[in-house]
Amino acid sequence: EPASRKHLTIQLGEHCDYRSIHSFRALCRESSDQEVEVIVDMKRTSYMDSSGVALLHCLFHWVRAPKVHICILNCNQSLKALLSKACHSEKFTFI
């Protein structure tokens, strides 16, 4: 991992849907000239709809950095299966 990589964390609530946009937007107020790793903690998340999936994809555009890495932490198996089917799972690292 590059030493110059900046880390940002977002902790999602029980539901990840269009109402979660404020949590995602708050994460993206700063810009960086470094690579950024966004850690999305889904420990409490039990529900995600298509707008929640879209919000995850938007992080690649909203985080203003030369390169963005998204790591999904504590994702339950059903949401991991949903994300694997709904999007290019290789864009995300599950930890």
Protein backbone atom coordinates (compact mmCIF):
# COMPACT_ATOMS: atom_id res chain seq x y z
CA GLU A 1 0.00 0.00 0.00
CA PRO A 2 1.46 3.38 -0.93
CA ALA A 3 2.55 5.47 2.04
CA SER A 4 0.92 8.53 0.49
CA ARG A 5 -2.56 6.98 0.45
CA LYS A 6 -5.18 8.89 2.42
CA HIS A 7 -7.87 6.92 4.30
CA LEU A 8 -11.53 7.93 4.67
CA THR A 9 -14.18 5.89 6.48
CA ILE A 10 -17.95 5.83 6.19
CA GLN A 11 -20.12 3.82 8.56
CA LEU A 12 -23.45 2.89 7.04
CA GLY A 13 -26.64 2.51 9.02
CA GLU A 14 -29.07 -0.39 8.96
CA HIS A 15 -30.50 0.65 5.59
CA CYS A 16 -28.44 1.86 2.64
CA ASP A 17 -30.74 3.59 0.17
CA TYR A 18 -31.35 7.08 -1.24
CA ARG A 19 -31.64 8.49 2.30
CA SER A 20 -27.97 7.62 2.87
CA ILE A 21 -26.76 10.23 0.39
CA HIS A 22 -25.87 12.74 3.12
CA SER A 23 -23.43 10.29 4.72
CA PHE A 24 -21.76 9.72 1.34
CA ARG A 25 -21.65 13.41 0.43
CA ALA A 26 -20.16 14.38 3.80
CA LEU A 27 -17.26 12.06 3.02
CA CYS A 28 -16.48 13.87 -0.21
CA ARG A 29 -16.08 17.48 0.88
CA GLU A 30 -12.29 17.44 0.71
CA SER A 31 -10.09 16.99 -2.30
CA SER A 32 -6.74 15.26 -2.24
CA ASP A 33 -3.69 15.07 -4.43
CA GLN A 34 -3.02 11.61 -2.97
CA GLU A 35 -4.58 8.25 -3.68
CA VAL A 36 -7.58 7.73 -1.43
CA GLU A 37 -8.82 4.53 0.16
CA VAL A 38 -12.45 4.69 1.22
CA ILE A 39 -13.44 2.14 3.84
CA VAL A 40 -17.19 1.48 3.83
CA ASP A 41 -18.14 -0.20 7.12
CA MET A 42 -21.34 -2.20 6.65
CA LYS A 43 -21.39 -3.83 10.09
CA ARG A 44 -24.88 -2.50 10.88
CA THR A 45 -26.24 -2.71 7.32
CA SER A 46 -28.90 -5.33 6.65
CA TYR A 47 -30.70 -3.74 3.68
CA MET A 48 -29.48 -2.16 0.46
CA ASP A 49 -31.48 -1.26 -2.62
CA SER A 50 -30.39 -0.15 -6.08
CA SER A 51 -29.91 3.46 -4.95
CA GLY A 52 -27.53 2.23 -2.23
CA VAL A 53 -25.54 0.34 -4.86
CA ALA A 54 -25.48 3.49 -6.99
CA LEU A 55 -24.16 5.52 -4.05
CA LEU A 56 -21.22 3.12 -3.72
CA HIS A 57 -20.42 3.61 -7.40
CA CYS A 58 -20.69 7.39 -7.04
CA LEU A 59 -17.82 7.35 -4.56
CA PHE A 60 -15.45 6.83 -7.48
CA HIS A 61 -16.61 10.20 -8.87
CA TRP A 62 -17.36 12.15 -5.70
CA VAL A 63 -14.02 11.55 -3.99
CA ARG A 64 -11.76 14.06 -5.70
CA ALA A 65 -8.45 12.24 -5.91
CA PRO A 66 -6.16 10.85 -8.62
CA LYS A 67 -7.08 7.29 -7.73
CA VAL A 68 -9.82 5.91 -5.45
CA HIS A 69 -9.87 2.47 -3.82
CA ILE A 70 -13.04 1.28 -2.12
CA CYS A 71 -12.84 -1.37 0.60
CA ILE A 72 -16.04 -2.84 1.98
CA LEU A 73 -15.73 -3.97 5.58
CA ASN A 74 -18.06 -6.23 7.58
CA CYS A 75 -20.40 -6.96 4.67
CA ASN A 76 -22.85 -9.80 5.32
CA GLN A 77 -23.09 -12.62 2.78
CA SER A 78 -26.45 -11.60 1.30
CA LEU A 79 -25.28 -8.02 0.63
CA LYS A 80 -21.98 -9.29 -0.76
CA ALA A 81 -23.94 -11.52 -3.17
CA LEU A 82 -26.12 -8.53 -4.14
CA LEU A 83 -23.10 -6.32 -4.79
CA SER A 84 -21.38 -9.06 -6.77
CA LYS A 85 -24.41 -9.39 -9.05
CA ALA A 86 -25.36 -5.71 -9.25
CA CYS A 87 -21.98 -4.26 -10.07
CA HIS A 88 -18.46 -5.08 -11.06
CA SER A 89 -17.30 -6.59 -7.79
CA GLU A 90 -13.67 -6.29 -8.89
CA LYS A 91 -14.04 -2.54 -8.33
CA PHE A 92 -14.44 -3.20 -4.63
CA THR A 93 -12.23 -5.02 -2.15
CA PHE A 94 -14.14 -6.96 0.49
CA ILE A 95 -12.37 -7.17 3.84
